[in-house]
Amino acid sequence: MDISTVIGLFLGILVMIGGILASGELSSYWNFASIIIVLGGTMASTLTCFPLKNFLNTSKVIKKAFFYKEESPDEVIGEIINLANIARKEGLLSLEEYAENLNDRFLQKGIMLIVDGTDPELVRNILDTELIFLEERHADGQSIFETMGRYAPAFGMIGTLIGLINMLKYLDDASAIGPNMAVALVTTFYGSALANVVFLPLANKLKVRSKSEVLIKELMIEGLLAIQAGENPRIIEEKLKTFISPEMRKNFREHLEREGV
C-alpha cells in the first residue's frame, strides 16, 4: 500500500474536520441535497466525457493510486547488467531461458525480440510503440480524475445558485432562508473539498506513477539494445546510470555488490 496516498488523504480530511470543530459542529456541514448535486452531477458529467468502459474501470485506476509495487531503477539496472554478463559469457540465446522466469512482460518481450535476432531499429520501434500506448492508457485514468476535479467545484457553484434561487423565492418565509442558504454554501464546500483533497491529488499521484514506470521501461529499452549491440557490461552500467539521480548513483555500486553483480 502507498502510505503517502493514505496519509495525505487522511491529513486533508483531518485538517478540514479540525477547522470545522474549531468554530462549529460537523452536523452543520451535512446536507444530503448538496451531496447529490455535487457527487451526482460530477459523476454524470464525467460519464458523458468518457466511454462507459473507461468510466467503469475507475475502481481499478483508484487501486493503482493506493496499491502499487514500484520497481527500483537500481534493481532494474542490476538486472540488465546481470543479463549483459550472461549474454557475454553464454551468448544471446542463453537469455531465452532467463526470460521465461521473468514477471515483467515488457522486459520479457524485449529479451525475446533480441534473442530472435530482430533488427535493433525494429526492436526499438516495437518497444517504443508499446511504451507510447502504455502512457496513453495511463493518461486515460489520470484524465478521469482531472475531469472530476474540474467538474466538482462547478457543481458546487450550481448548488450555490440553486440554494440562492430557492432562498430568494421564499424570502418572505424566514424558516426557508436558513436551509436554502445551507445548501448554497455547503455545496460549494463539498465541490472544492472533493476536487482539492481527493480528485486532483489522485490524478497527480497517477501521473507520478506513470512517469516512474515509463522511466523503468526506458531503462529496459536502452539496456536491451546495448546488450544486443554486444557492449561491455561496465559501459552499459555507466550508460544506464545517467537515467537516475546523483543521489541514487551513490548507493548503486553498494546495491550491485549486495546482489553479487
Protein backbone atom coordinates (compact mmCIF):
# COMPACT_ATOMS: atom_id res chain seq x y z
CA MET A 1 0.00 0.00 0.00
CA ASP A 2 1.17 3.53 -0.80
CA ILE A 3 1.46 5.13 2.64
CA SER A 4 1.83 8.69 1.28
CA THR A 5 -1.54 8.47 -0.51
CA VAL A 6 -3.30 7.22 2.62
CA ILE A 7 -1.60 9.74 4.92
CA GLY A 8 -2.23 12.61 2.50
CA LEU A 9 -5.95 11.89 2.22
CA PHE A 10 -6.24 11.32 5.96
CA LEU A 11 -4.47 14.57 6.81
CA GLY A 12 -6.55 16.52 4.28
CA ILE A 13 -9.78 15.25 5.80
CA LEU A 14 -8.42 15.70 9.35
CA VAL A 15 -7.48 19.33 8.69
CA MET A 16 -10.97 20.11 7.39
CA ILE A 17 -12.67 18.37 10.32
CA GLY A 18 -10.35 20.16 12.74
CA GLY A 19 -11.19 23.52 11.18
CA ILE A 20 -14.91 22.79 11.39
CA LEU A 21 -14.78 21.66 15.02
CA ALA A 22 -12.68 24.69 15.98
CA SER A 23 -15.52 27.02 15.08
CA GLY A 24 -18.69 24.94 14.77
CA GLU A 25 -20.28 21.50 14.56
CA LEU A 26 -19.90 18.73 11.99
CA SER A 27 -23.67 18.34 11.74
CA SER A 28 -23.87 21.85 10.29
CA TYR A 29 -21.88 20.67 7.27
CA TRP A 30 -24.09 17.69 6.48
CA ASN A 31 -26.57 18.26 3.69
CA PHE A 32 -27.88 15.37 1.63
CA ALA A 33 -29.11 17.60 -1.21
CA SER A 34 -25.65 19.12 -1.54
CA ILE A 35 -24.04 15.68 -1.78
CA ILE A 36 -26.47 14.63 -4.50
CA ILE A 37 -25.80 17.81 -6.50
CA VAL A 38 -22.01 17.61 -6.31
CA LEU A 39 -21.37 13.87 -6.50
CA GLY A 40 -24.26 13.08 -8.82
CA GLY A 41 -23.51 15.97 -11.14
CA THR A 42 -19.75 15.27 -11.20
CA MET A 43 -20.26 11.59 -11.99
CA ALA A 44 -22.87 12.35 -14.65
CA SER A 45 -20.68 14.87 -16.46
CA THR A 46 -17.62 12.64 -16.22
CA LEU A 47 -19.62 9.74 -17.65
CA THR A 48 -20.64 12.00 -20.54
CA CYS A 49 -16.98 12.76 -21.26
CA PHE A 50 -15.71 9.17 -21.38
CA PRO A 51 -16.74 5.81 -22.82
CA LEU A 52 -18.66 3.65 -20.35
CA LYS A 53 -15.85 1.07 -20.26
CA ASN A 54 -13.29 3.68 -19.18
CA PHE A 55 -15.62 5.07 -16.55
CA LEU A 56 -16.34 1.63 -15.07
CA ASN A 57 -12.59 0.97 -14.82
CA THR A 58 -12.24 3.85 -12.36
CA SER A 59 -12.05 1.44 -9.43
CA LYS A 60 -9.01 -0.25 -10.99
CA VAL A 61 -7.38 3.14 -11.52
CA ILE A 62 -8.00 4.08 -7.88
CA LYS A 63 -6.38 0.81 -6.83
CA LYS A 64 -3.17 1.84 -8.61
CA ALA A 65 -3.03 5.03 -6.54
CA PHE A 66 -3.24 3.08 -3.28
CA PHE A 67 -1.68 -0.29 -4.11
CA TYR A 68 1.42 -0.12 -6.29
CA LYS A 69 4.68 -2.01 -6.12
CA GLU A 70 7.21 0.41 -7.51
CA GLU A 71 10.26 -1.02 -9.22
CA SER A 72 13.53 0.49 -8.17
CA PRO A 73 15.75 1.78 -11.00
CA ASP A 74 18.70 0.30 -9.07
CA GLU A 75 17.17 -3.15 -9.23
CA VAL A 76 16.32 -2.83 -12.92
CA ILE A 77 19.82 -1.66 -13.83
CA GLY A 78 21.26 -4.51 -11.78
CA GLU A 79 19.06 -6.97 -13.64
CA ILE A 80 20.10 -5.54 -17.01
CA ILE A 81 23.78 -5.82 -16.08
CA ASN A 82 23.19 -9.40 -14.99
CA LEU A 83 21.63 -10.08 -18.39
CA ALA A 84 24.61 -8.44 -20.07
CA ASN A 85 27.03 -10.67 -18.18
CA ILE A 86 25.04 -13.80 -19.10
CA ALA A 87 24.89 -12.77 -22.76
CA ARG A 88 28.61 -12.03 -22.82
CA LYS A 89 29.57 -15.39 -21.33
CA GLU A 90 26.98 -17.67 -22.91
CA GLY A 91 25.60 -15.73 -25.88
CA LEU A 92 22.28 -14.01 -26.57
CA LEU A 93 20.40 -17.31 -26.98
CA SER A 94 21.06 -18.14 -23.34
CA LEU A 95 18.79 -15.24 -22.33
CA GLU A 96 15.70 -17.10 -23.57
CA GLU A 97 15.69 -19.43 -20.58
CA TYR A 98 16.21 -16.47 -18.25
CA ALA A 99 13.28 -14.60 -19.81
CA GLU A 100 10.85 -17.44 -19.13
CA ASN A 101 11.14 -16.82 -15.38
CA LEU A 102 10.53 -13.06 -15.56
CA ASN A 103 7.30 -11.48 -14.32
CA ASP A 104 7.79 -8.26 -16.28
CA ARG A 105 6.16 -8.88 -19.66
CA PHE A 106 7.78 -5.79 -21.20
CA LEU A 107 11.31 -6.93 -20.36
CA GLN A 108 10.43 -10.48 -21.35
CA LYS A 109 9.17 -9.31 -24.73
CA GLY A 110 12.31 -7.26 -25.31
CA ILE A 111 14.57 -10.19 -24.50
CA MET A 112 12.69 -12.49 -26.86
CA LEU A 113 13.00 -9.93 -29.65
CA ILE A 114 16.77 -9.69 -29.36
CA VAL A 115 17.09 -13.48 -28.92
CA ASP A 116 15.18 -13.94 -32.18
CA GLY A 117 17.73 -11.73 -33.95
CA THR A 118 15.33 -8.87 -34.66
CA ASP A 119 16.92 -5.78 -36.20
CA PRO A 120 17.88 -3.32 -33.40
CA GLU A 121 15.95 -0.47 -35.01
CA LEU A 122 12.85 -2.65 -35.21
CA VAL A 123 13.30 -3.72 -31.58
CA ARG A 124 13.38 -0.06 -30.55
CA ASN A 125 10.34 0.77 -32.67
CA ILE A 126 8.30 -2.11 -31.26
CA LEU A 127 9.15 -1.34 -27.63
CA ASP A 128 8.76 2.42 -28.10
CA THR A 129 5.31 1.87 -29.62
CA GLU A 130 4.28 -0.29 -26.69
CA LEU A 131 5.58 2.39 -24.32
CA ILE A 132 3.56 5.09 -26.11
CA PHE A 133 0.35 3.11 -25.74
CA LEU A 134 1.20 2.40 -22.09
CA GLU A 135 1.41 6.15 -21.48
CA GLU A 136 -1.90 6.67 -23.28
CA ARG A 137 -3.62 4.09 -21.09
CA HIS A 138 -2.21 5.80 -18.02
CA ALA A 139 -3.36 9.18 -19.34
CA ASP A 140 -6.92 7.86 -19.66
CA GLY A 141 -7.05 7.07 -15.95
CA GLN A 142 -5.46 10.37 -14.99
CA SER A 143 -7.86 12.37 -17.15
CA ILE A 144 -10.90 10.83 -15.45
CA PHE A 145 -9.83 12.22 -12.08
CA GLU A 146 -8.73 15.51 -13.60
CA THR A 147 -12.18 15.81 -15.17
CA MET A 148 -13.84 15.08 -11.82
CA GLY A 149 -11.58 17.69 -10.24
CA ARG A 150 -12.80 20.28 -12.76
CA TYR A 151 -16.49 19.46 -12.52
CA ALA A 152 -16.81 19.10 -8.72
CA PRO A 153 -16.28 22.85 -7.99
CA ALA A 154 -18.54 23.71 -10.94
CA PHE A 155 -21.38 21.66 -9.49
CA GLY A 156 -20.62 23.22 -6.13
CA MET A 157 -21.36 26.58 -7.72
CA ILE A 158 -24.51 25.17 -9.36
CA GLY A 159 -25.66 24.04 -5.91
CA THR A 160 -24.95 27.51 -4.61
CA LEU A 161 -27.12 29.03 -7.33
CA ILE A 162 -29.92 26.55 -6.60
CA GLY A 163 -29.80 27.43 -2.92
CA LEU A 164 -29.79 31.19 -3.59
CA ILE A 165 -32.64 30.97 -6.06
CA ASN A 166 -34.75 28.98 -3.61
CA MET A 167 -33.84 31.38 -0.82
CA LEU A 168 -34.90 34.41 -2.88
CA LYS A 169 -38.08 32.69 -3.97
CA TYR A 170 -39.15 32.17 -0.38
CA LEU A 171 -37.60 35.32 1.03
CA ASP A 172 -40.83 36.13 2.82
CA ASP A 173 -40.62 32.82 4.69
CA ALA A 174 -37.94 33.18 7.33
CA SER A 175 -37.91 29.43 8.04
CA ALA A 176 -36.84 28.67 4.45
CA ILE A 177 -33.89 31.07 4.34
CA GLY A 178 -31.63 29.03 6.62
CA PRO A 179 -31.96 25.62 4.87
CA ASN A 180 -31.60 27.11 1.40
CA MET A 181 -28.57 29.15 2.45
CA ALA A 182 -27.06 25.97 3.91
CA VAL A 183 -27.46 24.20 0.56
CA ALA A 184 -25.93 27.22 -1.17
CA LEU A 185 -22.79 27.34 0.96
CA VAL A 186 -22.27 23.69 1.87
CA THR A 187 -22.49 22.60 -1.77
CA THR A 188 -19.63 24.92 -2.69
CA PHE A 189 -17.66 23.46 0.22
CA TYR A 190 -18.28 19.89 -0.96
CA GLY A 191 -17.22 20.69 -4.52
CA SER A 192 -13.99 22.39 -3.51
CA ALA A 193 -13.13 19.75 -0.91
CA LEU A 194 -13.65 16.79 -3.26
CA ALA A 195 -11.66 18.45 -6.04
CA ASN A 196 -8.68 19.55 -3.95
CA VAL A 197 -8.49 16.77 -1.38
CA VAL A 198 -9.47 13.73 -3.45
CA PHE A 199 -9.76 14.03 -7.24
CA LEU A 200 -6.85 16.28 -8.23
CA PRO A 201 -4.33 14.77 -5.77
CA LEU A 202 -5.19 11.26 -7.03
CA ALA A 203 -4.77 12.43 -10.63
CA ASN A 204 -1.34 13.82 -9.80
CA LYS A 205 -0.32 10.65 -7.95
CA LEU A 206 -1.21 8.63 -11.05
CA LYS A 207 0.97 10.97 -13.13
CA VAL A 208 3.90 10.37 -10.79
CA ARG A 209 3.30 6.62 -11.01
CA SER A 210 3.22 6.81 -14.80
CA LYS A 211 6.48 8.79 -15.02
CA SER A 212 8.20 6.29 -12.76
CA GLU A 213 7.01 3.32 -14.80
CA VAL A 214 7.97 4.97 -18.09
CA LEU A 215 11.47 5.65 -16.74
CA ILE A 216 11.84 1.97 -15.85
CA LYS A 217 10.71 0.89 -19.32
CA GLU A 218 13.13 3.35 -20.99
CA LEU A 219 15.93 1.87 -18.90
CA MET A 220 14.97 -1.57 -20.13
CA ILE A 221 14.92 -0.50 -23.77
CA GLU A 222 18.35 1.14 -23.64
CA GLY A 223 19.80 -1.77 -21.69
CA LEU A 224 18.45 -4.43 -24.03
CA LEU A 225 19.68 -2.60 -27.13
CA ALA A 226 23.12 -2.23 -25.53
CA ILE A 227 23.17 -5.97 -24.79
CA GLN A 228 22.17 -6.73 -28.37
CA ALA A 229 24.98 -4.50 -29.59
CA GLY A 230 27.44 -6.51 -27.50
CA GLU A 231 28.54 -3.61 -25.31
CA ASN A 232 30.65 -4.20 -22.22
CA PRO A 233 28.51 -4.60 -19.03
CA ARG A 234 30.54 -1.84 -17.38
CA ILE A 235 29.73 0.54 -20.24
CA ILE A 236 26.07 -0.46 -20.06
CA GLU A 237 26.08 0.32 -16.33
CA GLU A 238 27.50 3.80 -16.89
CA LYS A 239 25.03 4.44 -19.70
CA LEU A 240 22.01 3.41 -17.61
CA LYS A 241 23.16 5.33 -14.54
CA THR A 242 22.60 8.55 -16.48
CA PHE A 243 18.84 7.87 -16.14
CA ILE A 244 18.90 8.12 -12.34
CA SER A 245 19.63 10.95 -9.92
CA PRO A 246 23.10 11.56 -8.45
CA GLU A 247 21.83 10.53 -5.01
CA MET A 248 20.75 7.14 -6.36
CA ARG A 249 24.08 6.66 -8.14
CA LYS A 250 25.99 6.97 -4.84
CA ASN A 251 24.40 3.82 -3.47
CA PHE A 252 24.20 1.98 -6.76
CA ARG A 253 27.57 0.19 -6.53
CA GLU A 254 26.74 -0.98 -2.99
CA HIS A 255 23.46 -2.40 -4.29
CA LEU A 256 25.23 -4.32 -7.05
CA GLU A 257 27.76 -5.69 -4.57
CA ARG A 258 24.94 -6.92 -2.31
CA GLU A 259 23.32 -8.61 -5.30
CA GLY A 260 26.64 -10.09 -6.33
CA VAL A 261 26.55 -8.47 -9.79
